[in-house]
Amino acid sequence: ERFVTVVPEIDLPGHTQAAIAAYPELGNNPDEPVGVSTRWGVSRRVL
């Protein structure tokens, strides 16, 4: 209504630790528990 287009971003394949915490099978080490990151910076966890 205000002529603003909303562009969504789903970040991948990096910056995905929150997704891997929810579905460990998306990660490279599914048997290693991981939570949503509490730190800033770049996580080594990727899809």
All heavy atoms as atom14 arrays in JSON, in Angstrom:
{
  "sequence": "ERFVTVVPEIDLPGHTQAAIAAYPELGNNPDEPVGVSTRWGVSRRVL",
  "atom14_mask": [
    [1, 1, 1, 1, 1, 1, 1, 1, 1, 0, 0, 0, 0, 0],
    [1, 1, 1, 1, 1, 1, 1, 1, 1, 1, 1, 0, 0, 0],
    [1, 1, 1, 1, 1, 1, 1, 1, 1, 1, 1, 0, 0, 0],
    [1, 1, 1, 1, 1, 1, 1, 0, 0, 0, 0, 0, 0, 0],
    [1, 1, 1, 1, 1, 1, 1, 0, 0, 0, 0, 0, 0, 0],
    [1, 1, 1, 1, 1, 1, 1, 0, 0, 0, 0, 0, 0, 0],
    [1, 1, 1, 1, 1, 1, 1, 0, 0, 0, 0, 0, 0, 0],
    [1, 1, 1, 1, 1, 1, 1, 0, 0, 0, 0, 0, 0, 0],
    [1, 1, 1, 1, 1, 1, 1, 1, 1, 0, 0, 0, 0, 0],
    [1, 1, 1, 1, 1, 1, 1, 1, 0, 0, 0, 0, 0, 0],
    [1, 1, 1, 1, 1, 1, 1, 1, 0, 0, 0, 0, 0, 0],
    [1, 1, 1, 1, 1, 1, 1, 1, 0, 0, 0, 0, 0, 0],
    [1, 1, 1, 1, 1, 1, 1, 0, 0, 0, 0, 0, 0, 0],
    [1, 1, 1, 1, 0, 0, 0, 0, 0, 0, 0, 0, 0, 0],
    [1, 1, 1, 1, 1, 1, 1, 1, 1, 1, 0, 0, 0, 0],
    [1, 1, 1, 1, 1, 1, 1, 0, 0, 0, 0, 0, 0, 0],
    [1, 1, 1, 1, 1, 1, 1, 1, 1, 0, 0, 0, 0, 0],
    [1, 1, 1, 1, 1, 0, 0, 0, 0, 0, 0, 0, 0, 0],
    [1, 1, 1, 1, 1, 0, 0, 0, 0, 0, 0, 0, 0, 0],
    [1, 1, 1, 1, 1, 1, 1, 1, 0, 0, 0, 0, 0, 0],
    [1, 1, 1, 1, 1, 0, 0, 0, 0, 0, 0, 0, 0, 0],
    [1, 1, 1, 1, 1, 0, 0, 0, 0, 0, 0, 0, 0, 0],
    [1, 1, 1, 1, 1, 1, 1, 1, 1, 1, 1, 1, 0, 0],
    [1, 1, 1, 1, 1, 1, 1, 0, 0, 0, 0, 0, 0, 0],
    [1, 1, 1, 1, 1, 1, 1, 1, 1, 0, 0, 0, 0, 0],
    [1, 1, 1, 1, 1, 1, 1, 1, 0, 0, 0, 0, 0, 0],
    [1, 1, 1, 1, 0, 0, 0, 0, 0, 0, 0, 0, 0, 0],
    [1, 1, 1, 1, 1, 1, 1, 1, 0, 0, 0, 0, 0, 0],
    [1, 1, 1, 1, 1, 1, 1, 1, 0, 0, 0, 0, 0, 0],
    [1, 1, 1, 1, 1, 1, 1, 0, 0, 0, 0, 0, 0, 0],
    [1, 1, 1, 1, 1, 1, 1, 1, 0, 0, 0, 0, 0, 0],
    [1, 1, 1, 1, 1, 1, 1, 1, 1, 0, 0, 0, 0, 0],
    [1, 1, 1, 1, 1, 1, 1, 0, 0, 0, 0, 0, 0, 0],
    [1, 1, 1, 1, 1, 1, 1, 0, 0, 0, 0, 0, 0, 0],
    [1, 1, 1, 1, 0, 0, 0, 0, 0, 0, 0, 0, 0, 0],
    [1, 1, 1, 1, 1, 1, 1, 0, 0, 0, 0, 0, 0, 0],
    [1, 1, 1, 1, 1, 1, 0, 0, 0, 0, 0, 0, 0, 0],
    [1, 1, 1, 1, 1, 1, 1, 0, 0, 0, 0, 0, 0, 0],
    [1, 1, 1, 1, 1, 1, 1, 1, 1, 1, 1, 0, 0, 0],
    [1, 1, 1, 1, 1, 1, 1, 1, 1, 1, 1, 1, 1, 1],
    [1, 1, 1, 1, 0, 0, 0, 0, 0, 0, 0, 0, 0, 0],
    [1, 1, 1, 1, 1, 1, 1, 0, 0, 0, 0, 0, 0, 0],
    [1, 1, 1, 1, 1, 1, 0, 0, 0, 0, 0, 0, 0, 0],
    [1, 1, 1, 1, 1, 1, 1, 1, 1, 1, 1, 0, 0, 0],
    [1, 1, 1, 1, 1, 1, 1, 1, 1, 1, 1, 0, 0, 0],
    [1, 1, 1, 1, 1, 1, 1, 0, 0, 0, 0, 0, 0, 0],
    [1, 1, 1, 1, 1, 1, 1, 1, 0, 0, 0, 0, 0, 0]
  ],
  "atom14_positions": [
    [[0.82, -1.21, 0.0], [0.0, 0.0, 0.0], [0.85, 1.26, 0.0], [0.38, 2.33, -0.39], [-0.92, 0.01, 1.23], [-2.02, -1.04, 1.17], [-2.8, -1.11, 2.47], [-2.4, -0.44, 3.46], [-3.8, -1.85, 2.51], [0.0, 0.0, 0.0], [0.0, 0.0, 0.0], [0.0, 0.0, 0.0], [0.0, 0.0, 0.0], [0.0, 0.0, 0.0]],
    [[2.1, 1.14, 0.42], [3.04, 2.26, 0.46], [4.13, 2.11, -0.6], [5.17, 2.77, -0.53], [3.63, 2.37, 1.87], [2.6, 2.86, 2.87], [2.78, 2.27, 4.25], [1.72, 2.73, 5.14], [0.49, 2.2, 5.21], [0.18, 1.16, 4.43], [-0.42, 2.68, 6.03], [0.0, 0.0, 0.0], [0.0, 0.0, 0.0], [0.0, 0.0, 0.0]],
    [[3.9, 1.21, -1.55], [4.78, 1.01, -2.7], [6.18, 0.56, -2.28], [7.19, 0.91, -2.89], [4.8, 2.27, -3.58], [3.42, 2.63, -4.06], [2.66, 3.55, -3.35], [2.86, 2.0, -5.15], [1.36, 3.84, -3.75], [1.56, 2.29, -5.55], [0.81, 3.21, -4.85], [0.0, 0.0, 0.0], [0.0, 0.0, 0.0], [0.0, 0.0, 0.0]],
    [[6.21, -0.25, -1.24], [7.43, -0.88, -0.77], [7.32, -2.38, -1.05], [6.35, -3.02, -0.63], [7.66, -0.64, 0.73], [8.86, -1.45, 1.24], [7.87, 0.85, 1.01], [0.0, 0.0, 0.0], [0.0, 0.0, 0.0], [0.0, 0.0, 0.0], [0.0, 0.0, 0.0], [0.0, 0.0, 0.0], [0.0, 0.0, 0.0], [0.0, 0.0, 0.0]],
    [[8.29, -2.92, -1.76], [8.35, -4.36, -2.04], [9.16, -5.04, -0.95], [10.28, -4.61, -0.63], [9.0, -4.61, -3.4], [8.22, -4.0, -4.43], [9.14, -6.1, -3.67], [0.0, 0.0, 0.0], [0.0, 0.0, 0.0], [0.0, 0.0, 0.0], [0.0, 0.0, 0.0], [0.0, 0.0, 0.0], [0.0, 0.0, 0.0], [0.0, 0.0, 0.0]],
    [[8.61, -6.1, -0.37], [9.32, -6.85, 0.67], [10.03, -8.04, 0.0], [9.38, -8.89, -0.62], [8.38, -7.35, 1.77], [9.17, -8.06, 2.86], [7.6, -6.18, 2.36], [0.0, 0.0, 0.0], [0.0, 0.0, 0.0], [0.0, 0.0, 0.0], [0.0, 0.0, 0.0], [0.0, 0.0, 0.0], [0.0, 0.0, 0.0], [0.0, 0.0, 0.0]],
    [[11.35, -8.06, 0.13], [12.17, -9.13, -0.44], [12.65, -10.02, 0.7], [13.4, -9.56, 1.57], [13.36, -8.56, -1.22], [14.29, -9.69, -1.7], [12.88, -7.74, -2.42], [0.0, 0.0, 0.0], [0.0, 0.0, 0.0], [0.0, 0.0, 0.0], [0.0, 0.0, 0.0], [0.0, 0.0, 0.0], [0.0, 0.0, 0.0], [0.0, 0.0, 0.0]],
    [[12.24, -11.29, 0.74], [12.67, -12.18, 1.84], [14.03, -12.78, 1.56], [14.43, -12.96, 0.41], [11.59, -13.26, 1.81], [11.25, -13.39, 0.35], [11.35, -11.98, -0.21], [0.0, 0.0, 0.0], [0.0, 0.0, 0.0], [0.0, 0.0, 0.0], [0.0, 0.0, 0.0], [0.0, 0.0, 0.0], [0.0, 0.0, 0.0], [0.0, 0.0, 0.0]],
    [[14.74, -13.11, 2.63], [16.0, -13.83, 2.48], [16.02, -15.03, 3.42], [15.81, -14.89, 4.63], [17.2, -12.93, 2.81], [18.54, -13.67, 2.69], [19.71, -12.9, 3.27], [19.57, -11.67, 3.51], [20.77, -13.53, 3.51], [0.0, 0.0, 0.0], [0.0, 0.0, 0.0], [0.0, 0.0, 0.0], [0.0, 0.0, 0.0], [0.0, 0.0, 0.0]],
    [[16.22, -16.21, 2.83], [16.46, -17.45, 3.57], [17.92, -17.79, 3.34], [18.3, -18.23, 2.26], [15.55, -18.59, 3.06], [14.08, -18.18, 3.1], [15.81, -19.86, 3.85], [13.54, -17.87, 4.48], [0.0, 0.0, 0.0], [0.0, 0.0, 0.0], [0.0, 0.0, 0.0], [0.0, 0.0, 0.0], [0.0, 0.0, 0.0], [0.0, 0.0, 0.0]],
    [[18.77, -17.57, 4.33], [20.21, -17.69, 4.13], [20.63, -19.15, 4.08], [20.28, -19.94, 4.96], [20.94, -16.97, 5.27], [22.28, -16.4, 4.84], [22.8, -16.81, 3.79], [22.82, -15.54, 5.57], [0.0, 0.0, 0.0], [0.0, 0.0, 0.0], [0.0, 0.0, 0.0], [0.0, 0.0, 0.0], [0.0, 0.0, 0.0], [0.0, 0.0, 0.0]],
    [[21.4, -19.51, 3.04], [21.94, -20.86, 2.88], [23.11, -20.81, 1.89], [23.22, -19.84, 1.13], [20.83, -21.82, 2.4], [20.06, -21.45, 1.12], [20.71, -22.0, -0.15], [18.63, -21.96, 1.22], [0.0, 0.0, 0.0], [0.0, 0.0, 0.0], [0.0, 0.0, 0.0], [0.0, 0.0, 0.0], [0.0, 0.0, 0.0], [0.0, 0.0, 0.0]],
    [[24.0, -21.79, 1.91], [24.08, -22.97, 2.79], [24.74, -22.69, 4.13], [24.7, -23.52, 5.03], [24.92, -23.93, 1.96], [25.83, -23.04, 1.17], [25.02, -21.83, 0.85], [0.0, 0.0, 0.0], [0.0, 0.0, 0.0], [0.0, 0.0, 0.0], [0.0, 0.0, 0.0], [0.0, 0.0, 0.0], [0.0, 0.0, 0.0], [0.0, 0.0, 0.0]],
    [[25.38, -21.53, 4.29], [25.92, -21.14, 5.59], [24.88, -20.33, 6.37], [23.76, -20.12, 5.91], [0.0, 0.0, 0.0], [0.0, 0.0, 0.0], [0.0, 0.0, 0.0], [0.0, 0.0, 0.0], [0.0, 0.0, 0.0], [0.0, 0.0, 0.0], [0.0, 0.0, 0.0], [0.0, 0.0, 0.0], [0.0, 0.0, 0.0], [0.0, 0.0, 0.0]],
    [[25.26, -19.89, 7.56], [24.33, -19.14, 8.43], [23.05, -19.93, 8.66], [21.95, -19.39, 8.64], [24.02, -17.76, 7.83], [25.18, -16.81, 7.9], [25.6, -16.23, 9.07], [26.02, -16.35, 6.93], [26.64, -15.43, 8.83], [26.93, -15.51, 7.53], [0.0, 0.0, 0.0], [0.0, 0.0, 0.0], [0.0, 0.0, 0.0], [0.0, 0.0, 0.0]],
    [[23.19, -21.24, 8.87], [22.02, -22.12, 8.97], [21.99, -22.93, 10.26], [21.29, -23.94, 10.35], [21.98, -23.09, 7.77], [23.28, -23.7, 7.62], [21.63, -22.37, 6.49], [0.0, 0.0, 0.0], [0.0, 0.0, 0.0], [0.0, 0.0, 0.0], [0.0, 0.0, 0.0], [0.0, 0.0, 0.0], [0.0, 0.0, 0.0], [0.0, 0.0, 0.0]],
    [[22.72, -22.52, 11.28], [22.79, -23.34, 12.49], [21.42, -23.46, 13.16], [21.11, -24.52, 13.74], [23.8, -22.76, 13.49], [23.99, -23.64, 14.72], [25.17, -23.25, 15.55], [26.22, -22.85, 15.03], [25.04, -23.37, 16.88], [0.0, 0.0, 0.0], [0.0, 0.0, 0.0], [0.0, 0.0, 0.0], [0.0, 0.0, 0.0], [0.0, 0.0, 0.0]],
    [[20.58, -22.42, 13.08], [19.25, -22.52, 13.69], [18.43, -23.6, 13.0], [17.7, -24.36, 13.64], [18.53, -21.18, 13.61], [0.0, 0.0, 0.0], [0.0, 0.0, 0.0], [0.0, 0.0, 0.0], [0.0, 0.0, 0.0], [0.0, 0.0, 0.0], [0.0, 0.0, 0.0], [0.0, 0.0, 0.0], [0.0, 0.0, 0.0], [0.0, 0.0, 0.0]],
    [[18.53, -23.7, 11.67], [17.81, -24.75, 10.94], [18.35, -26.13, 11.29], [17.59, -27.1, 11.45], [17.91, -24.5, 9.44], [0.0, 0.0, 0.0], [0.0, 0.0, 0.0], [0.0, 0.0, 0.0], [0.0, 0.0, 0.0], [0.0, 0.0, 0.0], [0.0, 0.0, 0.0], [0.0, 0.0, 0.0], [0.0, 0.0, 0.0], [0.0, 0.0, 0.0]],
    [[19.67, -26.24, 11.42], [20.28, -27.53, 11.75], [19.92, -27.94, 13.18], [19.72, -29.13, 13.47], [21.8, -27.46, 11.55], [22.11, -27.25, 10.06], [22.49, -28.72, 12.06], [23.56, -26.88, 9.77], [0.0, 0.0, 0.0], [0.0, 0.0, 0.0], [0.0, 0.0, 0.0], [0.0, 0.0, 0.0], [0.0, 0.0, 0.0], [0.0, 0.0, 0.0]],
    [[19.79, -26.97, 14.09], [19.36, -27.29, 15.45], [17.96, -27.89, 15.43], [17.64, -28.79, 16.22], [19.38, -26.03, 16.31], [0.0, 0.0, 0.0], [0.0, 0.0, 0.0], [0.0, 0.0, 0.0], [0.0, 0.0, 0.0], [0.0, 0.0, 0.0], [0.0, 0.0, 0.0], [0.0, 0.0, 0.0], [0.0, 0.0, 0.0], [0.0, 0.0, 0.0]],
    [[17.12, -27.41, 14.52], [15.74, -27.91, 14.43], [15.67, -29.26, 13.73], [14.89, -30.14, 14.13], [14.88, -26.88, 13.69], [0.0, 0.0, 0.0], [0.0, 0.0, 0.0], [0.0, 0.0, 0.0], [0.0, 0.0, 0.0], [0.0, 0.0, 0.0], [0.0, 0.0, 0.0], [0.0, 0.0, 0.0], [0.0, 0.0, 0.0], [0.0, 0.0, 0.0]],
    [[16.48, -29.44, 12.7], [16.48, -30.67, 11.9], [17.94, -31.1, 11.7], [18.57, -30.73, 10.7], [15.79, -30.45, 10.56], [14.3, -30.21, 10.69], [13.78, -28.92, 10.75], [13.41, -31.28, 10.78], [12.41, -28.7, 10.89], [12.04, -31.08, 10.92], [11.55, -29.78, 10.97], [10.19, -29.56, 11.11], [0.0, 0.0, 0.0], [0.0, 0.0, 0.0]],
    [[18.5, -31.85, 12.65], [19.92, -32.2, 12.59], [20.32, -32.9, 11.3], [21.5, -32.83, 10.9], [20.11, -33.12, 13.81], [19.02, -32.71, 14.76], [17.86, -32.34, 13.89], [0.0, 0.0, 0.0], [0.0, 0.0, 0.0], [0.0, 0.0, 0.0], [0.0, 0.0, 0.0], [0.0, 0.0, 0.0], [0.0, 0.0, 0.0], [0.0, 0.0, 0.0]],
    [[19.4, -33.58, 10.64], [19.74, -34.3, 9.41], [20.15, -33.36, 8.28], [20.71, -33.79, 7.26], [18.58, -35.18, 8.97], [17.3, -34.43, 8.59], [16.36, -34.22, 9.78], [16.85, -34.25, 10.94], [15.15, -34.04, 9.53], [0.0, 0.0, 0.0], [0.0, 0.0, 0.0], [0.0, 0.0, 0.0], [0.0, 0.0, 0.0], [0.0, 0.0, 0.0]],
    [[19.9, -32.06, 8.44], [20.34, -31.08, 7.44], [21.83, -30.8, 7.53], [22.42, -30.28, 6.58], [19.57, -29.76, 7.61], [18.06, -29.81, 7.44], [17.45, -28.46, 7.79], [17.69, -30.2, 6.01], [0.0, 0.0, 0.0], [0.0, 0.0, 0.0], [0.0, 0.0, 0.0], [0.0, 0.0, 0.0], [0.0, 0.0, 0.0], [0.0, 0.0, 0.0]],
    [[22.43, -31.12, 8.66], [23.83, -30.81, 8.87], [24.75, -31.92, 8.41], [24.32, -32.97, 7.91], [0.0, 0.0, 0.0], [0.0, 0.0, 0.0], [0.0, 0.0, 0.0], [0.0, 0.0, 0.0], [0.0, 0.0, 0.0], [0.0, 0.0, 0.0], [0.0, 0.0, 0.0], [0.0, 0.0, 0.0], [0.0, 0.0, 0.0], [0.0, 0.0, 0.0]],
    [[26.04, -31.69, 8.58], [27.04, -32.66, 8.15], [27.42, -33.64, 9.24], [28.08, -34.64, 8.97], [28.29, -31.91, 7.68], [28.04, -31.13, 6.39], [28.09, -31.69, 5.3], [27.77, -29.84, 6.52], [0.0, 0.0, 0.0], [0.0, 0.0, 0.0], [0.0, 0.0, 0.0], [0.0, 0.0, 0.0], [0.0, 0.0, 0.0], [0.0, 0.0, 0.0]],
    [[26.98, -33.37, 10.48], [27.26, -34.26, 11.6], [25.97, -34.45, 12.4], [25.84, -33.93, 13.52], [28.37, -33.67, 12.48], [29.67, -33.47, 11.74], [30.36, -34.44, 11.41], [30.0, -32.21, 11.45], [0.0, 0.0, 0.0], [0.0, 0.0, 0.0], [0.0, 0.0, 0.0], [0.0, 0.0, 0.0], [0.0, 0.0, 0.0], [0.0, 0.0, 0.0]],
    [[25.02, -35.19, 11.85], [23.69, -35.27, 12.48], [23.69, -35.9, 13.87], [22.75, -35.69, 14.63], [22.88, -36.11, 11.49], [23.89, -36.86, 10.69], [25.09, -35.95, 10.59], [0.0, 0.0, 0.0], [0.0, 0.0, 0.0], [0.0, 0.0, 0.0], [0.0, 0.0, 0.0], [0.0, 0.0, 0.0], [0.0, 0.0, 0.0], [0.0, 0.0, 0.0]],
    [[24.73, -36.65, 14.21], [24.77, -37.28, 15.53], [25.4, -36.37, 16.58], [25.46, -36.73, 17.76], [25.56, -38.59, 15.46], [24.89, -39.61, 14.57], [23.64, -39.6, 14.51], [25.6, -40.41, 13.93], [0.0, 0.0, 0.0], [0.0, 0.0, 0.0], [0.0, 0.0, 0.0], [0.0, 0.0, 0.0], [0.0, 0.0, 0.0], [0.0, 0.0, 0.0]],
    [[25.86, -35.21, 16.17], [26.49, -34.26, 17.09], [25.47, -33.18, 17.45], [25.09, -32.38, 16.6], [27.72, -33.64, 16.44], [28.5, -32.7, 17.34], [29.73, -32.16, 16.63], [30.32, -32.9, 15.8], [30.1, -31.0, 16.89], [0.0, 0.0, 0.0], [0.0, 0.0, 0.0], [0.0, 0.0, 0.0], [0.0, 0.0, 0.0], [0.0, 0.0, 0.0]],
    [[24.99, -33.12, 18.68], [23.96, -32.15, 19.05], [24.44, -30.72, 18.84], [25.6, -30.38, 19.09], [23.71, -32.42, 20.54], [24.25, -33.79, 20.79], [25.39, -33.96, 19.82], [0.0, 0.0, 0.0], [0.0, 0.0, 0.0], [0.0, 0.0, 0.0], [0.0, 0.0, 0.0], [0.0, 0.0, 0.0], [0.0, 0.0, 0.0], [0.0, 0.0, 0.0]],
    [[23.53, -29.87, 18.37], [23.84, -28.47, 18.17], [22.59, -27.65, 18.49], [21.47, -28.07, 18.18], [24.32, -28.2, 16.72], [23.25, -28.59, 15.71], [24.71, -26.74, 16.53], [0.0, 0.0, 0.0], [0.0, 0.0, 0.0], [0.0, 0.0, 0.0], [0.0, 0.0, 0.0], [0.0, 0.0, 0.0], [0.0, 0.0, 0.0], [0.0, 0.0, 0.0]],
    [[22.77, -26.54, 19.14], [21.66, -25.66, 19.44], [21.69, -24.42, 18.58], [22.61, -24.21, 17.78], [0.0, 0.0, 0.0], [0.0, 0.0, 0.0], [0.0, 0.0, 0.0], [0.0, 0.0, 0.0], [0.0, 0.0, 0.0], [0.0, 0.0, 0.0], [0.0, 0.0, 0.0], [0.0, 0.0, 0.0], [0.0, 0.0, 0.0], [0.0, 0.0, 0.0]],
    [[20.67, -23.59, 18.71], [20.66, -22.3, 18.03], [21.82, -21.48, 18.59], [22.05, -21.44, 19.8], [19.32, -21.58, 18.27], [19.33, -20.2, 17.63], [18.18, -22.42, 17.71], [0.0, 0.0, 0.0], [0.0, 0.0, 0.0], [0.0, 0.0, 0.0], [0.0, 0.0, 0.0], [0.0, 0.0, 0.0], [0.0, 0.0, 0.0], [0.0, 0.0, 0.0]],
    [[22.57, -20.85, 17.72], [23.78, -20.15, 18.15], [23.45, -18.96, 19.05], [22.5, -18.22, 18.8], [24.57, -19.66, 16.94], [25.74, -18.99, 17.35], [0.0, 0.0, 0.0], [0.0, 0.0, 0.0], [0.0, 0.0, 0.0], [0.0, 0.0, 0.0], [0.0, 0.0, 0.0], [0.0, 0.0, 0.0], [0.0, 0.0, 0.0], [0.0, 0.0, 0.0]],
    [[24.26, -18.79, 20.07], [24.13, -17.64, 20.97], [25.24, -16.62, 20.72], [25.28, -15.58, 21.37], [24.2, -18.1, 22.44], [25.45, -18.75, 22.66], [23.06, -19.06, 22.75], [0.0, 0.0, 0.0], [0.0, 0.0, 0.0], [0.0, 0.0, 0.0], [0.0, 0.0, 0.0], [0.0, 0.0, 0.0], [0.0, 0.0, 0.0], [0.0, 0.0, 0.0]],
    [[26.15, -16.95, 19.81], [27.3, -16.08, 19.52], [27.11, -15.36, 18.2], [26.46, -15.86, 17.29], [28.58, -16.91, 19.45], [29.02, -17.5, 20.77], [30.23, -18.41, 20.58], [30.85, -18.75, 21.87], [30.4, -19.68, 22.69], [29.33, -20.4, 22.35], [31.0, -19.92, 23.84], [0.0, 0.0, 0.0], [0.0, 0.0, 0.0], [0.0, 0.0, 0.0]],
    [[27.7, -14.18, 18.1], [27.76, -13.49, 16.82], [28.92, -14.05, 16.0], [29.73, -14.81, 16.49], [27.94, -11.99, 17.02], [27.01, -11.36, 18.03], [27.34, -10.43, 18.96], [25.61, -11.59, 18.2], [26.25, -10.07, 19.71], [25.16, -10.77, 19.26], [24.67, -12.42, 17.57], [23.85, -10.74, 19.7], [23.36, -12.4, 18.01], [22.95, -11.58, 19.05]],
    [[28.97, -13.69, 14.76], [30.04, -14.18, 13.9], [29.58, -15.34, 13.03], [28.39, -15.64, 12.92], [0.0, 0.0, 0.0], [0.0, 0.0, 0.0], [0.0, 0.0, 0.0], [0.0, 0.0, 0.0], [0.0, 0.0, 0.0], [0.0, 0.0, 0.0], [0.0, 0.0, 0.0], [0.0, 0.0, 0.0], [0.0, 0.0, 0.0], [0.0, 0.0, 0.0]],
    [[30.53, -15.99, 12.4], [30.24, -17.03, 11.41], [30.36, -18.4, 12.06], [31.41, -18.76, 12.61], [31.21, -16.92, 10.22], [30.91, -18.01, 9.19], [31.12, -15.54, 9.58], [0.0, 0.0, 0.0], [0.0, 0.0, 0.0], [0.0, 0.0, 0.0], [0.0, 0.0, 0.0], [0.0, 0.0, 0.0], [0.0, 0.0, 0.0], [0.0, 0.0, 0.0]],
    [[29.3, -19.19, 12.01], [29.32, -20.55, 12.53], [29.94, -21.48, 11.51], [29.79, -21.31, 10.29], [27.89, -21.01, 12.84], [27.86, -22.4, 13.13], [0.0, 0.0, 0.0], [0.0, 0.0, 0.0], [0.0, 0.0, 0.0], [0.0, 0.0, 0.0], [0.0, 0.0, 0.0], [0.0, 0.0, 0.0], [0.0, 0.0, 0.0], [0.0, 0.0, 0.0]],
    [[30.63, -22.49, 12.0], [31.19, -23.5, 11.09], [30.13, -24.5, 10.63], [30.38, -25.31, 9.73], [32.34, -24.25, 11.77], [31.92, -25.11, 12.95], [33.12, -25.78, 13.61], [32.74, -26.61, 14.75], [32.33, -27.87, 14.67], [32.23, -28.45, 13.48], [32.02, -28.54, 15.77], [0.0, 0.0, 0.0], [0.0, 0.0, 0.0], [0.0, 0.0, 0.0]],
    [[28.94, -24.46, 11.25], [27.87, -25.38, 10.89], [27.21, -24.92, 9.59], [26.72, -23.8, 9.48], [26.81, -25.42, 11.98], [27.34, -25.7, 13.37], [27.68, -27.16, 13.53], [28.06, -27.46, 14.91], [28.27, -28.67, 15.38], [28.12, -29.71, 14.59], [28.64, -28.85, 16.64], [0.0, 0.0, 0.0], [0.0, 0.0, 0.0], [0.0, 0.0, 0.0]],
    [[27.2, -25.79, 8.6], [26.57, -25.47, 7.31], [25.72, -26.66, 6.86], [25.85, -27.77, 7.38], [27.62, -25.13, 6.24], [28.47, -23.93, 6.67], [28.5, -26.33, 5.91], [0.0, 0.0, 0.0], [0.0, 0.0, 0.0], [0.0, 0.0, 0.0], [0.0, 0.0, 0.0], [0.0, 0.0, 0.0], [0.0, 0.0, 0.0], [0.0, 0.0, 0.0]],
    [[24.87, -26.42, 5.89], [24.03, -27.49, 5.36], [24.87, -28.54, 4.64], [25.9, -28.22, 4.04], [23.01, -26.91, 4.39], [22.03, -25.89, 4.93], [21.13, -25.38, 3.8], [21.19, -26.47, 6.06], [0.0, 0.0, 0.0], [0.0, 0.0, 0.0], [0.0, 0.0, 0.0], [0.0, 0.0, 0.0], [0.0, 0.0, 0.0], [0.0, 0.0, 0.0]]
  ]
}
